[in-house]
């Protein structure tokens, strides 16, 4: 779960509610929060972290898929 605290499309509280619901249901999940970003992550250093986190997640979950 990646969220910007300045996101006015999806308020920060709703992002936390989703993450909390995932954790309560024991869904493997992580939370990455950008206090200085909105709906789109635009600052270069934050963009790098966003893409690295996303690609790590994709890599983790695609390794678990069995290929016939």
Protein backbone atom coordinates (compact mmCIF):
# COMPACT_ATOMS: atom_id res chain seq x y z
CA UNK A 1 0.00 0.00 0.00
CA UNK A 2 1.55 3.27 -1.14
CA UNK A 3 -0.08 6.53 -0.14
CA UNK A 4 0.58 10.27 -0.18
CA UNK A 5 -0.59 12.25 2.83
CA UNK A 6 -1.56 15.18 0.60
CA UNK A 7 -3.81 13.05 -1.63
CA UNK A 8 -7.19 14.75 -1.90
CA UNK A 9 -8.69 12.06 -4.18
CA UNK A 10 -8.16 9.30 -1.63
CA UNK A 11 -7.83 10.86 1.84
CA UNK A 12 -5.00 9.60 4.01
CA UNK A 13 -7.43 8.19 6.59
CA UNK A 14 -9.04 5.95 3.97
CA UNK A 15 -5.63 4.60 2.98
CA UNK A 16 -4.91 3.78 6.61
CA UNK A 17 -8.31 2.10 6.95
CA UNK A 18 -7.54 -0.16 3.99
CA UNK A 19 -4.09 -1.04 5.33
CA UNK A 20 -5.53 -1.74 8.80
CA UNK A 21 -8.24 -3.98 7.31
CA UNK A 22 -5.58 -5.93 5.37
CA UNK A 23 -3.47 -6.35 8.50
CA UNK A 24 -6.46 -7.47 10.60
CA UNK A 25 -7.25 -10.14 8.01
CA UNK A 26 -3.60 -11.24 8.05
CA UNK A 27 -3.10 -10.31 4.40
CA UNK A 28 0.64 -9.88 3.80
CA UNK A 29 0.92 -6.13 3.34
CA UNK A 30 3.25 -3.19 3.82
CA UNK A 31 2.59 0.54 4.06
CA UNK A 32 4.71 3.20 2.37
CA UNK A 33 3.64 6.79 3.10
CA UNK A 34 4.89 9.93 1.39
CA UNK A 35 4.05 12.90 3.67
CA UNK A 36 4.93 15.42 0.95
CA UNK A 37 3.12 13.84 -2.02
CA UNK A 38 -0.43 13.82 -3.31
CA UNK A 39 -2.24 11.35 -5.58
CA UNK A 40 0.74 11.29 -7.96
CA UNK A 41 4.25 10.81 -6.62
CA UNK A 42 6.23 13.50 -8.44
CA UNK A 43 9.44 14.27 -6.54
CA UNK A 44 12.38 12.43 -8.14
CA UNK A 45 13.69 10.74 -4.97
CA UNK A 46 10.16 9.66 -4.01
CA UNK A 47 9.50 8.38 -7.52
CA UNK A 48 12.57 6.14 -7.35
CA UNK A 49 11.44 4.72 -4.00
CA UNK A 50 7.88 4.25 -5.36
CA UNK A 51 9.08 2.29 -8.42
CA UNK A 52 11.57 0.21 -6.43
CA UNK A 53 8.90 -0.71 -3.88
CA UNK A 54 6.41 -1.57 -6.60
CA UNK A 55 8.89 -3.67 -8.60
CA UNK A 56 9.98 -5.50 -5.41
CA UNK A 57 6.32 -6.33 -4.72
CA UNK A 58 5.74 -7.56 -8.28
CA UNK A 59 8.90 -9.65 -8.11
CA UNK A 60 7.94 -11.16 -4.76
CA UNK A 61 4.46 -12.20 -5.86
CA UNK A 62 5.30 -13.38 -9.37
CA UNK A 63 7.92 -15.80 -7.98
CA UNK A 64 5.16 -17.54 -6.02
CA UNK A 65 3.11 -18.33 -9.11
CA UNK A 66 3.63 -21.88 -10.33
CA UNK A 67 4.10 -22.16 -14.09
CA UNK A 68 2.76 -25.40 -15.59
